[in-house]
Amino acid sequence: MATINANTVALYIDTAGGAVSSPADAVGASPALKPVAFSTSASISVSNATYETTSITAAGTGTTIRDFAVGSTSTSMSVEGVVDWTTETDTLDVDALFDAFIAKSEITAVWQSTASGKAFGGKGFLTSFELSASVDDFATFSASLELNGDPQDVA
């Protein structure tokens, strides 16, 4: 069984809303997909809305059957990390993430494992941003985003 080390997974964001592609394909491009700096977790969640229909299978007996069909697909992504105001080369820092949230403009986001190269993403909007701090602990951040349309397999 092949497993993926979670340390090789990151959420990559292009705040300019460039093309949806593998982060590896965007190296050197401007603007480019950049990993969120100091992140400790990244997730993507895809769900299909379902709706129920009931059909009469035998008119004389009133026998019915329940069927389900799939409606719209929704995709959300999230990232969490440790707050560090240091700017690292070729990463998206907390300031830039917050600025993208306030700008309310469409961004491109891709969840990728650098070990496998597998990547999923799309274009969407940041929907939440949080900074949090507790006594005797690291200050942390979290951000969520929703993608438009179906997610793309980009790797």
C-alpha atoms as a PDB file:
ATOM      1  CA  MET A   1       0.000   0.000   0.000  1.00  0.00           C
ATOM      2  CA  ALA A   2       1.355   3.373  -1.007  1.00  0.00           C
ATOM      3  CA  THR A   3       0.817   6.161   1.477  1.00  0.00           C
ATOM      4  CA  ILE A   4       1.411   9.888   1.257  1.00  0.00           C
ATOM      5  CA  ASN A   5       3.336  11.668   3.991  1.00  0.00           C
ATOM      6  CA  ALA A   6       1.145  14.597   5.053  1.00  0.00           C
ATOM      7  CA  ASN A   7       4.264  16.761   5.283  1.00  0.00           C
ATOM      8  CA  THR A   8       4.320  16.760   1.482  1.00  0.00           C
ATOM      9  CA  VAL A   9       0.807  18.199   1.124  1.00  0.00           C
ATOM     10  CA  ALA A  10       0.027  21.901   0.887  1.00  0.00           C
ATOM     11  CA  LEU A  11      -2.624  24.313  -0.269  1.00  0.00           C
ATOM     12  CA  TYR A  12      -1.331  26.511  -3.083  1.00  0.00           C
ATOM     13  CA  ILE A  13      -3.021  29.825  -3.836  1.00  0.00           C
ATOM     14  CA  ASP A  14      -2.707  32.336  -6.657  1.00  0.00           C
ATOM     15  CA  THR A  15      -4.354  35.546  -5.420  1.00  0.00           C
ATOM     16  CA  ALA A  16      -4.466  36.910  -8.988  1.00  0.00           C
ATOM     17  CA  GLY A  17      -6.789  34.069 -10.026  1.00  0.00           C
ATOM     18  CA  GLY A  18      -4.524  32.667 -12.738  1.00  0.00           C
ATOM     19  CA  ALA A  19      -5.017  29.427 -14.643  1.00  0.00           C
ATOM     20  CA  VAL A  20      -5.863  26.279 -12.723  1.00  0.00           C
ATOM     21  CA  SER A  21      -2.795  24.077 -13.048  1.00  0.00           C
ATOM     22  CA  SER A  22      -0.417  21.958 -11.076  1.00  0.00           C
ATOM     23  CA  PRO A  23       1.825  24.119  -8.875  1.00  0.00           C
ATOM     24  CA  ALA A  24       4.792  22.377 -10.498  1.00  0.00           C
ATOM     25  CA  ASP A  25       3.636  23.711 -13.887  1.00  0.00           C
ATOM     26  CA  ALA A  26       3.441  27.256 -12.502  1.00  0.00           C
ATOM     27  CA  VAL A  27       7.045  27.517 -11.269  1.00  0.00           C
ATOM     28  CA  GLY A  28       8.508  30.755 -12.545  1.00  0.00           C
ATOM     29  CA  ALA A  29       5.157  31.996 -13.826  1.00  0.00           C
ATOM     30  CA  SER A  30       3.926  35.373 -12.692  1.00  0.00           C
ATOM     31  CA  PRO A  31       1.589  35.342 -10.897  1.00  0.00           C
ATOM     32  CA  ALA A  32       2.031  31.778  -9.722  1.00  0.00           C
ATOM     33  CA  LEU A  33       0.498  29.321  -7.311  1.00  0.00           C
ATOM     34  CA  LYS A  34       2.332  29.578  -4.007  1.00  0.00           C
ATOM     35  CA  PRO A  35       2.098  27.360  -0.929  1.00  0.00           C
ATOM     36  CA  VAL A  36       0.569  29.014   2.136  1.00  0.00           C
ATOM     37  CA  ALA A  37       3.521  29.720   4.456  1.00  0.00           C
ATOM     38  CA  PHE A  38       3.782  28.037   7.864  1.00  0.00           C
ATOM     39  CA  SER A  39       0.685  25.921   7.238  1.00  0.00           C
ATOM     40  CA  THR A  40       0.194  22.863   9.417  1.00  0.00           C
ATOM     41  CA  SER A  41      -2.789  21.336   7.620  1.00  0.00           C
ATOM     42  CA  ALA A  42      -4.624  21.625   4.329  1.00  0.00           C
ATOM     43  CA  SER A  43      -7.847  19.990   3.243  1.00  0.00           C
ATOM     44  CA  ILE A  44     -10.223  19.701   0.325  1.00  0.00           C
ATOM     45  CA  SER A  45     -13.798  18.490   0.693  1.00  0.00           C
ATOM     46  CA  VAL A  46     -16.055  17.670  -2.254  1.00  0.00           C
ATOM     47  CA  SER A  47     -19.729  16.788  -1.898  1.00  0.00           C
ATOM     48  CA  ASN A  48     -22.644  16.204  -4.220  1.00  0.00           C
ATOM     49  CA  ALA A  49     -26.106  17.368  -3.285  1.00  0.00           C
ATOM     50  CA  THR A  50     -28.656  14.612  -3.719  1.00  0.00           C
ATOM     51  CA  TYR A  51     -32.358  14.761  -4.214  1.00  0.00           C
ATOM     52  CA  GLU A  52     -34.960  12.089  -3.834  1.00  0.00           C
ATOM     53  CA  THR A  53     -37.621  11.041  -6.292  1.00  0.00           C
ATOM     54  CA  THR A  54     -40.401   8.527  -5.802  1.00  0.00           C
ATOM     55  CA  SER A  55     -41.705   6.511  -8.715  1.00  0.00           C
ATOM     56  CA  ILE A  56     -44.801   4.336  -8.948  1.00  0.00           C
ATOM     57  CA  THR A  57     -43.680   0.957 -10.255  1.00  0.00           C
ATOM     58  CA  ALA A  58     -47.054  -0.781 -10.399  1.00  0.00           C
ATOM     59  CA  ALA A  59     -50.048   1.463 -10.956  1.00  0.00           C
ATOM     60  CA  GLY A  60     -52.566  -1.151  -9.796  1.00  0.00           C
ATOM     61  CA  THR A  61     -50.846  -1.864  -6.473  1.00  0.00           C
ATOM     62  CA  GLY A  62     -49.424   1.549  -5.767  1.00  0.00           C
ATOM     63  CA  THR A  63     -45.971   0.085  -5.313  1.00  0.00           C
ATOM     64  CA  THR A  64     -43.357   2.808  -5.213  1.00  0.00           C
ATOM     65  CA  ILE A  65     -39.633   2.925  -5.397  1.00  0.00           C
ATOM     66  CA  ARG A  66     -37.322   5.552  -3.999  1.00  0.00           C
ATOM     67  CA  ASP A  67     -34.561   6.852  -6.238  1.00  0.00           C
ATOM     68  CA  PHE A  68     -31.790   9.311  -5.627  1.00  0.00           C
ATOM     69  CA  ALA A  69     -30.134  11.572  -8.130  1.00  0.00           C
ATOM     70  CA  VAL A  70     -27.114  13.809  -7.873  1.00  0.00           C
ATOM     71  CA  GLY A  71     -27.445  17.563  -8.106  1.00  0.00           C
ATOM     72  CA  SER A  72     -24.792  20.231  -7.757  1.00  0.00           C
ATOM     73  CA  THR A  73     -21.251  19.653  -6.551  1.00  0.00           C
ATOM     74  CA  SER A  74     -19.697  21.867  -3.914  1.00  0.00           C
ATOM     75  CA  THR A  75     -16.026  22.041  -3.079  1.00  0.00           C
ATOM     76  CA  SER A  76     -14.474  23.666  -0.057  1.00  0.00           C
ATOM     77  CA  MET A  77     -10.854  23.945   0.959  1.00  0.00           C
ATOM     78  CA  SER A  78      -9.212  24.994   4.189  1.00  0.00           C
ATOM     79  CA  VAL A  79      -5.775  25.693   5.532  1.00  0.00           C
ATOM     80  CA  GLU A  80      -4.477  26.135   9.075  1.00  0.00           C
ATOM     81  CA  GLY A  81      -1.090  27.158  10.309  1.00  0.00           C
ATOM     82  CA  VAL A  82       1.129  28.979  12.744  1.00  0.00           C
ATOM     83  CA  VAL A  83       1.232  32.770  12.552  1.00  0.00           C
ATOM     84  CA  ASP A  84       4.645  34.045  11.550  1.00  0.00           C
ATOM     85  CA  TRP A  85       4.974  37.518  10.050  1.00  0.00           C
ATOM     86  CA  THR A  86       8.201  36.538   8.314  1.00  0.00           C
ATOM     87  CA  THR A  87       8.001  36.650   4.547  1.00  0.00           C
ATOM     88  CA  GLU A  88       9.395  33.490   2.977  1.00  0.00           C
ATOM     89  CA  THR A  89      10.435  33.465  -0.664  1.00  0.00           C
ATOM     90  CA  ASP A  90       7.897  31.897  -3.040  1.00  0.00           C
ATOM     91  CA  THR A  91       5.190  31.436  -0.401  1.00  0.00           C
ATOM     92  CA  LEU A  92       1.918  33.155   0.378  1.00  0.00           C
ATOM     93  CA  ASP A  93       2.247  34.673   3.851  1.00  0.00           C
ATOM     94  CA  VAL A  94      -0.525  35.427   6.357  1.00  0.00           C
ATOM     95  CA  ASP A  95      -0.651  39.107   5.327  1.00  0.00           C
ATOM     96  CA  ALA A  96      -1.198  38.207   1.671  1.00  0.00           C
ATOM     97  CA  LEU A  97      -3.841  35.648   2.617  1.00  0.00           C
ATOM     98  CA  PHE A  98      -5.702  38.276   4.670  1.00  0.00           C
ATOM     99  CA  ASP A  99      -5.368  40.836   1.861  1.00  0.00           C
ATOM    100  CA  ALA A 100      -6.880  38.330  -0.591  1.00  0.00           C
ATOM    101  CA  PHE A 101      -9.769  37.751   1.812  1.00  0.00           C
ATOM    102  CA  ILE A 102     -10.486  41.492   2.152  1.00  0.00           C
ATOM    103  CA  ALA A 103     -10.194  42.020  -1.629  1.00  0.00           C
ATOM    104  CA  LYS A 104     -13.098  39.586  -2.238  1.00  0.00           C
ATOM    105  CA  SER A 105     -11.667  38.717  -5.623  1.00  0.00           C
ATOM    106  CA  GLU A 106     -11.567  35.329  -7.271  1.00  0.00           C
ATOM    107  CA  ILE A 107      -8.475  33.267  -6.523  1.00  0.00           C
ATOM    108  CA  THR A 108      -7.065  29.985  -7.779  1.00  0.00           C
ATOM    109  CA  ALA A 109      -6.421  27.278  -5.196  1.00  0.00           C
ATOM    110  CA  VAL A 110      -4.869  23.820  -5.562  1.00  0.00           C
ATOM    111  CA  TRP A 111      -4.415  21.071  -2.957  1.00  0.00           C
ATOM    112  CA  GLN A 112      -1.346  19.047  -3.892  1.00  0.00           C
ATOM    113  CA  SER A 113       0.989  16.384  -2.603  1.00  0.00           C
ATOM    114  CA  THR A 114       4.514  17.049  -3.809  1.00  0.00           C
ATOM    115  CA  ALA A 115       5.325  13.377  -3.190  1.00  0.00           C
ATOM    116  CA  SER A 116       2.726  12.031  -5.626  1.00  0.00           C
ATOM    117  CA  GLY A 117       2.208  15.112  -7.778  1.00  0.00           C
ATOM    118  CA  LYS A 118      -1.564  14.573  -7.527  1.00  0.00           C
ATOM    119  CA  ALA A 119      -3.437  17.878  -7.368  1.00  0.00           C
ATOM    120  CA  PHE A 120      -7.049  19.045  -7.205  1.00  0.00           C
ATOM    121  CA  GLY A 121      -8.331  22.594  -7.348  1.00  0.00           C
ATOM    122  CA  GLY A 122     -10.198  25.349  -9.070  1.00  0.00           C
ATOM    123  CA  LYS A 123     -11.187  28.975  -8.861  1.00  0.00           C
ATOM    124  CA  GLY A 124     -13.174  30.401  -5.988  1.00  0.00           C
ATOM    125  CA  PHE A 125     -13.351  32.816  -3.098  1.00  0.00           C
ATOM    126  CA  LEU A 126     -11.966  32.964   0.425  1.00  0.00           C
ATOM    127  CA  THR A 127     -14.984  32.730   2.727  1.00  0.00           C
ATOM    128  CA  SER A 128     -13.387  32.976   6.174  1.00  0.00           C
ATOM    129  CA  PHE A 129     -10.150  34.022   7.819  1.00  0.00           C
ATOM    130  CA  GLU A 130      -9.281  33.688  11.497  1.00  0.00           C
ATOM    131  CA  LEU A 131      -6.346  34.546  13.746  1.00  0.00           C
ATOM    132  CA  SER A 132      -6.345  32.871  17.147  1.00  0.00           C
ATOM    133  CA  ALA A 133      -4.119  32.934  20.218  1.00  0.00           C
ATOM    134  CA  SER A 134      -4.168  31.138  23.566  1.00  0.00           C
ATOM    135  CA  VAL A 135      -2.014  31.488  26.662  1.00  0.00           C
ATOM    136  CA  ASP A 136       1.189  29.420  26.469  1.00  0.00           C
ATOM    137  CA  ASP A 137       0.521  28.400  22.878  1.00  0.00           C
ATOM    138  CA  PHE A 138       1.370  29.464  19.341  1.00  0.00           C
ATOM    139  CA  ALA A 139      -0.799  32.012  17.571  1.00  0.00           C
ATOM    140  CA  THR A 140      -2.546  30.298  14.675  1.00  0.00           C
ATOM    141  CA  PHE A 141      -4.481  31.169  11.549  1.00  0.00           C
ATOM    142  CA  SER A 142      -7.139  29.414   9.534  1.00  0.00           C
ATOM    143  CA  ALA A 143      -8.817  30.199   6.246  1.00  0.00           C
ATOM    144  CA  SER A 144     -11.591  28.579   4.227  1.00  0.00           C
ATOM    145  CA  LEU A 145     -12.604  28.924   0.630  1.00  0.00           C
ATOM    146  CA  GLU A 146     -15.337  27.717  -1.686  1.00  0.00           C
ATOM    147  CA  LEU A 147     -14.672  26.810  -5.305  1.00  0.00           C
ATOM    148  CA  ASN A 148     -16.885  27.657  -8.267  1.00  0.00           C
ATOM    149  CA  GLY A 149     -18.127  24.673 -10.256  1.00  0.00           C
ATOM    150  CA  ASP A 150     -16.627  21.213 -10.123  1.00  0.00           C
ATOM    151  CA  PRO A 151     -13.101  20.694  -8.806  1.00  0.00           C
ATOM    152  CA  GLN A 152     -10.457  19.883 -11.389  1.00  0.00           C
ATOM    153  CA  ASP A 153      -7.901  17.092 -11.300  1.00  0.00           C
ATOM    154  CA  VAL A 154      -4.885  19.127 -12.419  1.00  0.00           C
ATOM    155  CA  ALA A 155      -2.031  16.663 -12.089  1.00  0.00           C
END
